[in-house]
Amino acid sequence: MDKPIRFALIAYGKVARLHARALRSVPGAQLVAVYGRDPAKREAFAAEFGIRAYGDIATMVAAEGVDAAIVASPHPQHKDHAVAALKTGAHVLVEKPMAIRVEDCDDMMACASACGRLLSVICQRRWYPSVQRIRKAIDEGK
């Protein structure tokens, strides 16, 4: 890989922390920025992870050369946050659920297509030990 993939987090809560820690262990990934509405919280998160904090998604993506944004904000904000990142040129990974309404999901997918960007959904809980035990039991036919 010639250059690292530059990631930004949209939100600074518990799930965003999981992603921030995980990105540290991924070769070729570089966490560069965080977006959040509360200046004190976003600045504290940024200081903790050695990144820059922003109060505007489009500015963050453009200023930091963000390749991919991870949306870990509250569910009702997923559509607006994803669309803002997509329109500025970032690929987007959204924490589950993708959105609250099917129409919002359709709008997000249409935006990704129009912008030539990837849009995906993730559920970080699939790695929890309890979920892994359930998965193993299902695979074993229990």
C-alpha atoms as a PDB file:
ATOM      1  CA  MET A   1       0.000   0.000   0.000  1.00  0.00           C
ATOM      2  CA  ASP A   2       1.456   3.338  -1.059  1.00  0.00           C
ATOM      3  CA  LYS A   3      -0.307   5.483   1.497  1.00  0.00           C
ATOM      4  CA  PRO A   4      -2.501   4.823   4.523  1.00  0.00           C
ATOM      5  CA  ILE A   5      -6.277   4.929   4.308  1.00  0.00           C
ATOM      6  CA  ARG A   6      -7.321   8.038   6.209  1.00  0.00           C
ATOM      7  CA  PHE A   7     -10.346   7.501   8.475  1.00  0.00           C
ATOM      8  CA  ALA A   8     -12.548   9.921  10.345  1.00  0.00           C
ATOM      9  CA  LEU A   9     -15.119   9.165  13.007  1.00  0.00           C
ATOM     10  CA  ILE A  10     -18.496  10.820  13.052  1.00  0.00           C
ATOM     11  CA  ALA A  11     -19.298  10.880  16.768  1.00  0.00           C
ATOM     12  CA  TYR A  12     -17.204  10.332  19.874  1.00  0.00           C
ATOM     13  CA  GLY A  13     -19.169   7.951  22.075  1.00  0.00           C
ATOM     14  CA  LYS A  14     -18.690   4.364  23.213  1.00  0.00           C
ATOM     15  CA  VAL A  15     -18.994   2.793  19.768  1.00  0.00           C
ATOM     16  CA  ALA A  16     -16.681   5.403  18.224  1.00  0.00           C
ATOM     17  CA  ARG A  17     -14.069   4.495  20.851  1.00  0.00           C
ATOM     18  CA  LEU A  18     -14.277   0.842  19.792  1.00  0.00           C
ATOM     19  CA  HIS A  19     -13.620   1.842  16.200  1.00  0.00           C
ATOM     20  CA  ALA A  20     -10.802   4.208  17.182  1.00  0.00           C
ATOM     21  CA  ARG A  21      -9.042   1.457  19.129  1.00  0.00           C
ATOM     22  CA  ALA A  22      -9.592  -1.085  16.351  1.00  0.00           C
ATOM     23  CA  LEU A  23      -8.173   1.236  13.703  1.00  0.00           C
ATOM     24  CA  ARG A  24      -4.932   1.452  15.676  1.00  0.00           C
ATOM     25  CA  SER A  25      -4.327  -2.244  14.996  1.00  0.00           C
ATOM     26  CA  VAL A  26      -5.135  -2.224  11.280  1.00  0.00           C
ATOM     27  CA  PRO A  27      -2.064  -1.964   9.048  1.00  0.00           C
ATOM     28  CA  GLY A  28      -2.527   0.805   6.513  1.00  0.00           C
ATOM     29  CA  ALA A  29      -5.301   2.546   8.458  1.00  0.00           C
ATOM     30  CA  GLN A  30      -4.837   5.981   9.972  1.00  0.00           C
ATOM     31  CA  LEU A  31      -7.424   7.688  12.176  1.00  0.00           C
ATOM     32  CA  VAL A  32      -7.083  11.411  11.467  1.00  0.00           C
ATOM     33  CA  ALA A  33     -10.201  13.223  12.682  1.00  0.00           C
ATOM     34  CA  VAL A  34     -13.453  13.213  14.616  1.00  0.00           C
ATOM     35  CA  TYR A  35     -16.677  15.144  14.099  1.00  0.00           C
ATOM     36  CA  GLY A  36     -19.065  15.997  16.902  1.00  0.00           C
ATOM     37  CA  ARG A  37     -21.568  18.644  17.941  1.00  0.00           C
ATOM     38  CA  ASP A  38     -20.239  19.263  21.447  1.00  0.00           C
ATOM     39  CA  PRO A  39     -16.922  21.177  21.245  1.00  0.00           C
ATOM     40  CA  ALA A  40     -15.632  20.009  24.627  1.00  0.00           C
ATOM     41  CA  LYS A  41     -16.416  16.331  23.979  1.00  0.00           C
ATOM     42  CA  ARG A  42     -14.998  16.287  20.454  1.00  0.00           C
ATOM     43  CA  GLU A  43     -11.824  18.072  21.588  1.00  0.00           C
ATOM     44  CA  ALA A  44     -11.369  15.622  24.482  1.00  0.00           C
ATOM     45  CA  PHE A  45     -11.823  12.652  22.141  1.00  0.00           C
ATOM     46  CA  ALA A  46      -9.387  14.153  19.644  1.00  0.00           C
ATOM     47  CA  ALA A  47      -6.783  14.739  22.354  1.00  0.00           C
ATOM     48  CA  GLU A  48      -7.163  11.171  23.610  1.00  0.00           C
ATOM     49  CA  PHE A  49      -6.505   9.693  20.168  1.00  0.00           C
ATOM     50  CA  GLY A  50      -4.067  12.303  18.845  1.00  0.00           C
ATOM     51  CA  ILE A  51      -6.317  13.487  16.012  1.00  0.00           C
ATOM     52  CA  ARG A  52      -8.090  16.703  14.971  1.00  0.00           C
ATOM     53  CA  ALA A  53     -11.629  17.665  15.970  1.00  0.00           C
ATOM     54  CA  TYR A  54     -14.234  19.278  13.721  1.00  0.00           C
ATOM     55  CA  GLY A  55     -17.728  20.698  14.046  1.00  0.00           C
ATOM     56  CA  ASP A  56     -18.522  20.293  10.337  1.00  0.00           C
ATOM     57  CA  ILE A  57     -18.331  17.024   8.407  1.00  0.00           C
ATOM     58  CA  ALA A  58     -17.650  18.508   4.967  1.00  0.00           C
ATOM     59  CA  THR A  59     -14.836  20.673   6.326  1.00  0.00           C
ATOM     60  CA  MET A  60     -13.336  17.688   8.150  1.00  0.00           C
ATOM     61  CA  VAL A  61     -13.378  15.393   5.104  1.00  0.00           C
ATOM     62  CA  ALA A  62     -11.875  18.052   2.835  1.00  0.00           C
ATOM     63  CA  ALA A  63      -9.288  19.421   5.266  1.00  0.00           C
ATOM     64  CA  GLU A  64      -7.994  16.021   6.390  1.00  0.00           C
ATOM     65  CA  GLY A  65      -8.159  14.215   3.048  1.00  0.00           C
ATOM     66  CA  VAL A  66     -10.456  11.618   4.592  1.00  0.00           C
ATOM     67  CA  ASP A  67     -10.820   8.469   2.505  1.00  0.00           C
ATOM     68  CA  ALA A  68     -13.478   6.840   4.692  1.00  0.00           C
ATOM     69  CA  ALA A  69     -15.768   8.007   7.467  1.00  0.00           C
ATOM     70  CA  ILE A  70     -17.292   5.784  10.126  1.00  0.00           C
ATOM     71  CA  VAL A  71     -20.733   6.957  11.256  1.00  0.00           C
ATOM     72  CA  ALA A  72     -21.255   6.051  14.918  1.00  0.00           C
ATOM     73  CA  SER A  73     -23.684   8.820  15.809  1.00  0.00           C
ATOM     74  CA  PRO A  74     -27.208   8.280  17.191  1.00  0.00           C
ATOM     75  CA  HIS A  75     -29.411   6.380  14.730  1.00  0.00           C
ATOM     76  CA  PRO A  76     -31.686   9.291  13.717  1.00  0.00           C
ATOM     77  CA  GLN A  77     -28.596  11.197  12.504  1.00  0.00           C
ATOM     78  CA  HIS A  78     -27.108   8.432  10.350  1.00  0.00           C
ATOM     79  CA  LYS A  79     -28.635   9.602   7.066  1.00  0.00           C
ATOM     80  CA  ASP A  80     -27.566  13.238   7.375  1.00  0.00           C
ATOM     81  CA  HIS A  81     -24.076  12.353   8.556  1.00  0.00           C
ATOM     82  CA  ALA A  82     -23.505   9.703   5.894  1.00  0.00           C
ATOM     83  CA  VAL A  83     -24.786  11.917   3.093  1.00  0.00           C
ATOM     84  CA  ALA A  84     -22.578  14.814   4.220  1.00  0.00           C
ATOM     85  CA  ALA A  85     -19.488  12.594   4.147  1.00  0.00           C
ATOM     86  CA  LEU A  86     -20.408  10.959   0.834  1.00  0.00           C
ATOM     87  CA  LYS A  87     -21.039  14.295  -0.865  1.00  0.00           C
ATOM     88  CA  THR A  88     -17.612  15.519   0.231  1.00  0.00           C
ATOM     89  CA  GLY A  89     -15.900  12.476  -1.262  1.00  0.00           C
ATOM     90  CA  ALA A  90     -15.513   9.957   1.557  1.00  0.00           C
ATOM     91  CA  HIS A  91     -16.543   6.334   1.481  1.00  0.00           C
ATOM     92  CA  VAL A  92     -18.840   5.629   4.442  1.00  0.00           C
ATOM     93  CA  LEU A  93     -19.211   2.816   6.955  1.00  0.00           C
ATOM     94  CA  VAL A  94     -22.352   3.162   9.087  1.00  0.00           C
ATOM     95  CA  GLU A  95     -22.927   1.447  12.412  1.00  0.00           C
ATOM     96  CA  LYS A  96     -26.163  -0.503  12.522  1.00  0.00           C
ATOM     97  CA  PRO A  97     -28.920   0.268  11.928  1.00  0.00           C
ATOM     98  CA  MET A  98     -28.220   1.968   8.638  1.00  0.00           C
ATOM     99  CA  ALA A  99     -31.099   4.380   9.239  1.00  0.00           C
ATOM    100  CA  ILE A 100     -34.462   4.571  10.949  1.00  0.00           C
ATOM    101  CA  ARG A 101     -36.615   4.631   7.815  1.00  0.00           C
ATOM    102  CA  VAL A 102     -36.346   2.632   4.587  1.00  0.00           C
ATOM    103  CA  GLU A 103     -36.609   5.905   2.660  1.00  0.00           C
ATOM    104  CA  ASP A 104     -33.519   7.187   4.447  1.00  0.00           C
ATOM    105  CA  CYS A 105     -31.618   4.035   3.490  1.00  0.00           C
ATOM    106  CA  ASP A 106     -32.720   4.480  -0.116  1.00  0.00           C
ATOM    107  CA  ASP A 107     -31.530   8.113  -0.069  1.00  0.00           C
ATOM    108  CA  MET A 108     -28.152   7.086   1.377  1.00  0.00           C
ATOM    109  CA  MET A 109     -27.664   4.396  -1.271  1.00  0.00           C
ATOM    110  CA  ALA A 110     -28.685   6.782  -4.062  1.00  0.00           C
ATOM    111  CA  CYS A 111     -26.225   9.382  -2.778  1.00  0.00           C
ATOM    112  CA  ALA A 112     -23.390   6.850  -2.611  1.00  0.00           C
ATOM    113  CA  SER A 113     -24.141   5.742  -6.161  1.00  0.00           C
ATOM    114  CA  ALA A 114     -24.354   9.313  -7.469  1.00  0.00           C
ATOM    115  CA  CYS A 115     -21.079  10.218  -5.742  1.00  0.00           C
ATOM    116  CA  GLY A 116     -19.275   7.056  -6.833  1.00  0.00           C
ATOM    117  CA  ARG A 117     -18.540   6.103  -3.234  1.00  0.00           C
ATOM    118  CA  LEU A 118     -18.943   2.924  -1.210  1.00  0.00           C
ATOM    119  CA  LEU A 119     -21.544   2.769   1.542  1.00  0.00           C
ATOM    120  CA  SER A 120     -21.590  -0.132   3.976  1.00  0.00           C
ATOM    121  CA  VAL A 121     -23.105  -1.094   7.315  1.00  0.00           C
ATOM    122  CA  ILE A 122     -21.348  -2.792  10.222  1.00  0.00           C
ATOM    123  CA  CYS A 123     -22.361  -4.272  13.543  1.00  0.00           C
ATOM    124  CA  GLN A 124     -19.361  -4.265  15.847  1.00  0.00           C
ATOM    125  CA  ARG A 125     -21.248  -6.404  18.353  1.00  0.00           C
ATOM    126  CA  ARG A 126     -20.760  -9.485  16.205  1.00  0.00           C
ATOM    127  CA  TRP A 127     -17.327  -9.785  17.806  1.00  0.00           C
ATOM    128  CA  TYR A 128     -18.626  -9.792  21.381  1.00  0.00           C
ATOM    129  CA  PRO A 129     -17.854 -13.118  23.143  1.00  0.00           C
ATOM    130  CA  SER A 130     -21.544 -13.745  23.849  1.00  0.00           C
ATOM    131  CA  VAL A 131     -22.451 -13.292  20.174  1.00  0.00           C
ATOM    132  CA  GLN A 132     -19.546 -15.532  19.150  1.00  0.00           C
ATOM    133  CA  ARG A 133     -20.838 -18.271  21.496  1.00  0.00           C
ATOM    134  CA  ILE A 134     -24.296 -18.030  19.948  1.00  0.00           C
ATOM    135  CA  ARG A 135     -22.812 -18.150  16.453  1.00  0.00           C
ATOM    136  CA  LYS A 136     -20.783 -21.232  17.344  1.00  0.00           C
ATOM    137  CA  ALA A 137     -23.870 -22.952  18.761  1.00  0.00           C
ATOM    138  CA  ILE A 138     -25.805 -22.196  15.564  1.00  0.00           C
ATOM    139  CA  ASP A 139     -22.945 -23.480  13.402  1.00  0.00           C
ATOM    140  CA  GLU A 140     -22.836 -26.667  15.480  1.00  0.00           C
ATOM    141  CA  GLY A 141     -26.580 -27.208  15.076  1.00  0.00           C
ATOM    142  CA  LYS A 142     -27.383 -26.650  18.736  1.00  0.00           C
END
